[in-house]
Amino acid sequence: MADITLKALIRNRQGLHARPSALVVKTAARHRGCAITLTIGSESANAKSIMEVMMLASPAGTEVSITASGEGAETAAAEVASVIDSGFGEEIDPAWAPRDS
């Protein structure tokens, strides 16, 4: 099986902190047959580990690479990317809001 890699942008004002990290881990944990890694710059984290994800603490505007492998990798990567791109249900920083085409 090939790895699937997607990109997402941290858009919420507060960036990646404890609550958004928990949402990422909760989403990733639903995909038991799949390994999911988040990469920001040169740092990587197992998306199913709250401690590892929290160590990636990053501000709004940071690009995140989501790499998934295993059963349901495409769906898993898309769901994690969607949680990140959505701003974690928090206020979106206007500088990083999606642009309407």
N, C-alpha and C. Protein backbone atom coordinates (compact mmCIF):
# COMPACT_ATOMS: atom_id res chain seq x y z
N MET A 1 0.83 -1.19 0.00
CA MET A 1 0.00 0.00 0.00
C MET A 1 0.87 1.25 0.00
N ALA A 2 0.49 2.21 -0.77
CA ALA A 2 1.25 3.46 -0.85
C ALA A 2 0.82 4.43 0.25
N ASP A 3 1.76 5.25 0.66
CA ASP A 3 1.44 6.30 1.63
C ASP A 3 0.64 7.39 0.93
N ILE A 4 -0.25 8.00 1.67
CA ILE A 4 -1.03 9.14 1.19
C ILE A 4 -0.56 10.35 1.98
N THR A 5 -0.21 11.42 1.29
CA THR A 5 0.20 12.65 1.98
C THR A 5 -0.66 13.81 1.50
N LEU A 6 -1.24 14.51 2.46
CA LEU A 6 -2.04 15.70 2.19
C LEU A 6 -1.47 16.86 2.98
N LYS A 7 -1.78 18.06 2.55
CA LYS A 7 -1.36 19.27 3.26
C LYS A 7 -2.60 19.95 3.85
N ALA A 8 -2.41 20.58 5.00
CA ALA A 8 -3.47 21.35 5.63
C ALA A 8 -2.83 22.59 6.24
N LEU A 9 -3.65 23.59 6.51
CA LEU A 9 -3.16 24.85 7.06
C LEU A 9 -3.85 25.12 8.39
N ILE A 10 -3.06 25.43 9.39
CA ILE A 10 -3.64 25.82 10.68
C ILE A 10 -4.22 27.22 10.51
N ARG A 11 -5.52 27.35 10.70
CA ARG A 11 -6.21 28.60 10.39
C ARG A 11 -6.77 29.32 11.62
N ASN A 12 -6.89 28.62 12.75
CA ASN A 12 -7.49 29.26 13.92
C ASN A 12 -6.51 30.22 14.58
N ARG A 13 -7.05 31.25 15.23
CA ARG A 13 -6.22 32.31 15.85
C ARG A 13 -5.21 31.76 16.85
N GLN A 14 -5.60 30.78 17.63
CA GLN A 14 -4.74 30.28 18.70
C GLN A 14 -3.75 29.21 18.24
N GLY A 15 -3.86 28.76 17.00
CA GLY A 15 -2.93 27.76 16.49
C GLY A 15 -3.17 26.38 17.08
N LEU A 16 -2.17 25.54 16.95
CA LEU A 16 -2.26 24.16 17.44
C LEU A 16 -1.88 24.16 18.92
N HIS A 17 -2.88 24.02 19.79
CA HIS A 17 -2.68 23.97 21.23
C HIS A 17 -3.39 22.73 21.75
N ALA A 18 -3.66 22.65 23.04
CA ALA A 18 -4.17 21.42 23.65
C ALA A 18 -5.49 20.93 23.05
N ARG A 19 -6.51 21.78 22.97
CA ARG A 19 -7.82 21.31 22.48
C ARG A 19 -7.77 20.88 21.02
N PRO A 20 -7.16 21.66 20.12
CA PRO A 20 -7.04 21.20 18.75
C PRO A 20 -6.21 19.91 18.63
N SER A 21 -5.19 19.79 19.45
CA SER A 21 -4.39 18.55 19.44
C SER A 21 -5.26 17.36 19.79
N ALA A 22 -6.13 17.53 20.79
CA ALA A 22 -7.03 16.45 21.19
C ALA A 22 -8.00 16.08 20.05
N LEU A 23 -8.47 17.08 19.30
CA LEU A 23 -9.35 16.79 18.16
C LEU A 23 -8.63 16.00 17.07
N VAL A 24 -7.38 16.35 16.82
CA VAL A 24 -6.59 15.61 15.83
C VAL A 24 -6.43 14.16 16.28
N VAL A 25 -6.06 13.96 17.54
CA VAL A 25 -5.84 12.61 18.06
C VAL A 25 -7.14 11.80 18.03
N LYS A 26 -8.25 12.42 18.42
CA LYS A 26 -9.55 11.73 18.41
C LYS A 26 -9.91 11.29 16.98
N THR A 27 -9.67 12.16 16.02
CA THR A 27 -9.96 11.84 14.62
C THR A 27 -9.05 10.71 14.13
N ALA A 28 -7.77 10.82 14.41
CA ALA A 28 -6.80 9.81 13.97
C ALA A 28 -7.08 8.45 14.61
N ALA A 29 -7.47 8.45 15.87
CA ALA A 29 -7.68 7.21 16.61
C ALA A 29 -8.82 6.36 16.04
N ARG A 30 -9.73 6.98 15.32
CA ARG A 30 -10.83 6.22 14.69
C ARG A 30 -10.33 5.29 13.59
N HIS A 31 -9.13 5.51 13.13
CA HIS A 31 -8.57 4.73 12.02
C HIS A 31 -7.51 3.77 12.55
N ARG A 32 -7.99 2.70 13.16
CA ARG A 32 -7.11 1.76 13.86
C ARG A 32 -6.14 1.04 12.94
N GLY A 33 -6.53 0.77 11.71
CA GLY A 33 -5.68 0.03 10.79
C GLY A 33 -4.72 0.91 10.01
N CYS A 34 -4.55 2.12 10.46
CA CYS A 34 -3.80 3.11 9.68
C CYS A 34 -2.82 3.85 10.58
N ALA A 35 -1.59 4.02 10.11
CA ALA A 35 -0.60 4.85 10.80
C ALA A 35 -0.70 6.26 10.21
N ILE A 36 -0.74 7.27 11.06
CA ILE A 36 -0.89 8.65 10.60
C ILE A 36 0.19 9.50 11.28
N THR A 37 0.93 10.23 10.47
CA THR A 37 2.00 11.08 10.98
C THR A 37 1.75 12.52 10.55
N LEU A 38 1.94 13.44 11.47
CA LEU A 38 1.88 14.87 11.17
C LEU A 38 3.30 15.39 11.11
N THR A 39 3.59 16.23 10.13
CA THR A 39 4.90 16.84 10.02
C THR A 39 4.75 18.34 9.85
N ILE A 40 5.48 19.07 10.71
CA ILE A 40 5.55 20.53 10.64
C ILE A 40 7.03 20.87 10.64
N GLY A 41 7.49 21.42 9.52
CA GLY A 41 8.91 21.70 9.39
C GLY A 41 9.70 20.41 9.47
N SER A 42 10.65 20.34 10.38
CA SER A 42 11.47 19.13 10.53
C SER A 42 10.97 18.24 11.66
N GLU A 43 9.86 18.61 12.30
CA GLU A 43 9.32 17.84 13.42
C GLU A 43 8.14 16.97 12.96
N SER A 44 8.12 15.73 13.44
CA SER A 44 7.03 14.80 13.12
C SER A 44 6.43 14.25 14.39
N ALA A 45 5.16 13.84 14.28
CA ALA A 45 4.46 13.29 15.43
C ALA A 45 3.47 12.22 14.98
N ASN A 46 3.33 11.20 15.81
CA ASN A 46 2.29 10.20 15.62
C ASN A 46 0.96 10.91 15.93
N ALA A 47 0.06 10.95 14.96
CA ALA A 47 -1.20 11.68 15.12
C ALA A 47 -2.13 11.04 16.15
N LYS A 48 -1.79 9.86 16.64
CA LYS A 48 -2.60 9.20 17.66
C LYS A 48 -2.04 9.39 19.06
N SER A 49 -0.98 10.18 19.19
CA SER A 49 -0.35 10.43 20.48
C SER A 49 -0.55 11.89 20.88
N ILE A 50 -1.33 12.13 21.94
CA ILE A 50 -1.62 13.50 22.36
C ILE A 50 -0.34 14.23 22.73
N MET A 51 0.57 13.58 23.39
CA MET A 51 1.81 14.24 23.79
C MET A 51 2.64 14.65 22.57
N GLU A 52 2.75 13.76 21.59
CA GLU A 52 3.52 14.08 20.40
C GLU A 52 2.88 15.22 19.60
N VAL A 53 1.56 15.18 19.44
CA VAL A 53 0.87 16.23 18.68
C VAL A 53 1.00 17.57 19.40
N MET A 54 0.85 17.57 20.71
CA MET A 54 0.97 18.82 21.46
C MET A 54 2.38 19.41 21.35
N MET A 55 3.39 18.58 21.17
CA MET A 55 4.76 19.08 21.02
C MET A 55 4.95 19.83 19.70
N LEU A 56 4.03 19.67 18.76
CA LEU A 56 4.10 20.37 17.48
C LEU A 56 3.51 21.78 17.57
N ALA A 57 3.12 22.21 18.75
CA ALA A 57 2.46 23.52 18.93
C ALA A 57 2.94 24.53 17.89
N SER A 58 1.99 25.04 17.12
CA SER A 58 2.32 25.94 16.01
C SER A 58 1.25 27.01 15.86
N PRO A 59 1.64 28.18 15.36
CA PRO A 59 0.69 29.28 15.21
C PRO A 59 -0.15 29.16 13.93
N ALA A 60 -1.13 30.04 13.84
CA ALA A 60 -1.94 30.13 12.61
C ALA A 60 -1.01 30.40 11.43
N GLY A 61 -1.35 29.81 10.31
CA GLY A 61 -0.56 29.99 9.10
C GLY A 61 0.46 28.90 8.87
N THR A 62 0.58 27.98 9.81
CA THR A 62 1.54 26.89 9.68
C THR A 62 0.97 25.78 8.81
N GLU A 63 1.77 25.32 7.85
CA GLU A 63 1.36 24.20 7.00
C GLU A 63 1.72 22.88 7.67
N VAL A 64 0.79 21.94 7.63
CA VAL A 64 0.96 20.63 8.22
C VAL A 64 0.87 19.59 7.11
N SER A 65 1.82 18.66 7.08
CA SER A 65 1.73 17.51 6.17
C SER A 65 1.16 16.34 6.95
N ILE A 66 0.17 15.69 6.40
CA ILE A 66 -0.45 14.53 7.01
C ILE A 66 -0.14 13.34 6.12
N THR A 67 0.57 12.36 6.67
CA THR A 67 0.91 11.16 5.91
C THR A 67 0.24 9.97 6.58
N ALA A 68 -0.49 9.20 5.80
CA ALA A 68 -1.19 8.03 6.32
C ALA A 68 -0.81 6.81 5.49
N SER A 69 -0.72 5.68 6.17
CA SER A 69 -0.46 4.42 5.47
C SER A 69 -1.24 3.32 6.16
N GLY A 70 -1.64 2.35 5.37
CA GLY A 70 -2.41 1.24 5.91
C GLY A 70 -3.85 1.29 5.44
N GLU A 71 -4.68 0.51 6.11
CA GLU A 71 -6.09 0.38 5.75
C GLU A 71 -6.82 1.71 5.89
N GLY A 72 -7.44 2.16 4.81
CA GLY A 72 -8.21 3.39 4.82
C GLY A 72 -7.36 4.65 4.88
N ALA A 73 -6.13 4.58 4.39
CA ALA A 73 -5.20 5.71 4.48
C ALA A 73 -5.75 6.98 3.85
N GLU A 74 -6.36 6.86 2.70
CA GLU A 74 -6.87 8.05 2.01
C GLU A 74 -7.94 8.76 2.82
N THR A 75 -8.87 7.99 3.37
CA THR A 75 -9.94 8.55 4.20
C THR A 75 -9.38 9.15 5.48
N ALA A 76 -8.45 8.44 6.11
CA ALA A 76 -7.85 8.91 7.36
C ALA A 76 -7.13 10.23 7.16
N ALA A 77 -6.31 10.33 6.13
CA ALA A 77 -5.57 11.56 5.86
C ALA A 77 -6.54 12.70 5.57
N ALA A 78 -7.58 12.43 4.79
CA ALA A 78 -8.56 13.47 4.44
C ALA A 78 -9.31 13.97 5.67
N GLU A 79 -9.66 13.08 6.59
CA GLU A 79 -10.38 13.49 7.79
C GLU A 79 -9.51 14.34 8.71
N VAL A 80 -8.25 13.94 8.89
CA VAL A 80 -7.35 14.72 9.74
C VAL A 80 -7.10 16.08 9.08
N ALA A 81 -6.88 16.11 7.77
CA ALA A 81 -6.66 17.38 7.07
C ALA A 81 -7.88 18.29 7.20
N SER A 82 -9.07 17.72 7.14
CA SER A 82 -10.30 18.50 7.26
C SER A 82 -10.42 19.13 8.65
N VAL A 83 -10.08 18.39 9.68
CA VAL A 83 -10.14 18.92 11.05
C VAL A 83 -9.19 20.11 11.18
N ILE A 84 -7.99 19.98 10.63
CA ILE A 84 -7.01 21.06 10.72
C ILE A 84 -7.45 22.26 9.89
N ASP A 85 -7.82 22.02 8.63
CA ASP A 85 -8.25 23.11 7.74
C ASP A 85 -9.48 23.85 8.24
N SER A 86 -10.32 23.16 9.02
CA SER A 86 -11.56 23.78 9.51
C SER A 86 -11.31 24.78 10.63
N GLY A 87 -10.10 24.79 11.17
CA GLY A 87 -9.81 25.69 12.29
C GLY A 87 -10.19 25.11 13.63
N PHE A 88 -10.45 23.80 13.66
CA PHE A 88 -10.75 23.09 14.90
C PHE A 88 -12.01 23.61 15.58
N GLY A 89 -12.89 24.23 14.82
CA GLY A 89 -14.12 24.77 15.41
C GLY A 89 -13.90 26.06 16.19
N GLU A 90 -12.73 26.68 16.02
CA GLU A 90 -12.42 27.92 16.71
C GLU A 90 -12.47 29.08 15.72
N GLU A 91 -12.26 30.29 16.24
CA GLU A 91 -12.27 31.48 15.40
C GLU A 91 -11.10 31.42 14.41
N ILE A 92 -11.43 31.66 13.15
CA ILE A 92 -10.42 31.64 12.08
C ILE A 92 -9.68 32.97 12.06
N ASP A 93 -8.37 32.91 11.96
CA ASP A 93 -7.57 34.12 11.80
C ASP A 93 -7.84 34.64 10.39
N PRO A 94 -8.30 35.88 10.22
CA PRO A 94 -8.64 36.40 8.90
C PRO A 94 -7.50 36.29 7.88
N ALA A 95 -6.27 36.36 8.34
CA ALA A 95 -5.13 36.25 7.42
C ALA A 95 -5.04 34.87 6.78
N TRP A 96 -5.65 33.86 7.42
CA TRP A 96 -5.53 32.49 6.93
C TRP A 96 -6.88 31.89 6.55
N ALA A 97 -7.90 32.72 6.45
CA ALA A 97 -9.22 32.24 6.05
C ALA A 97 -9.19 31.76 4.61
N PRO A 98 -9.95 30.72 4.31
CA PRO A 98 -10.01 30.26 2.91
C PRO A 98 -10.55 31.35 2.02
N ARG A 99 -10.02 31.46 0.86
CA ARG A 99 -10.46 32.45 -0.13
C ARG A 99 -11.51 31.82 -1.03
N ASP A 100 -12.60 32.55 -1.25
CA ASP A 100 -13.62 32.07 -2.20
C ASP A 100 -13.09 32.28 -3.61
N SER A 101 -13.24 31.26 -4.42
CA SER A 101 -12.76 31.36 -5.82
C SER A 101 -13.83 31.88 -6.72
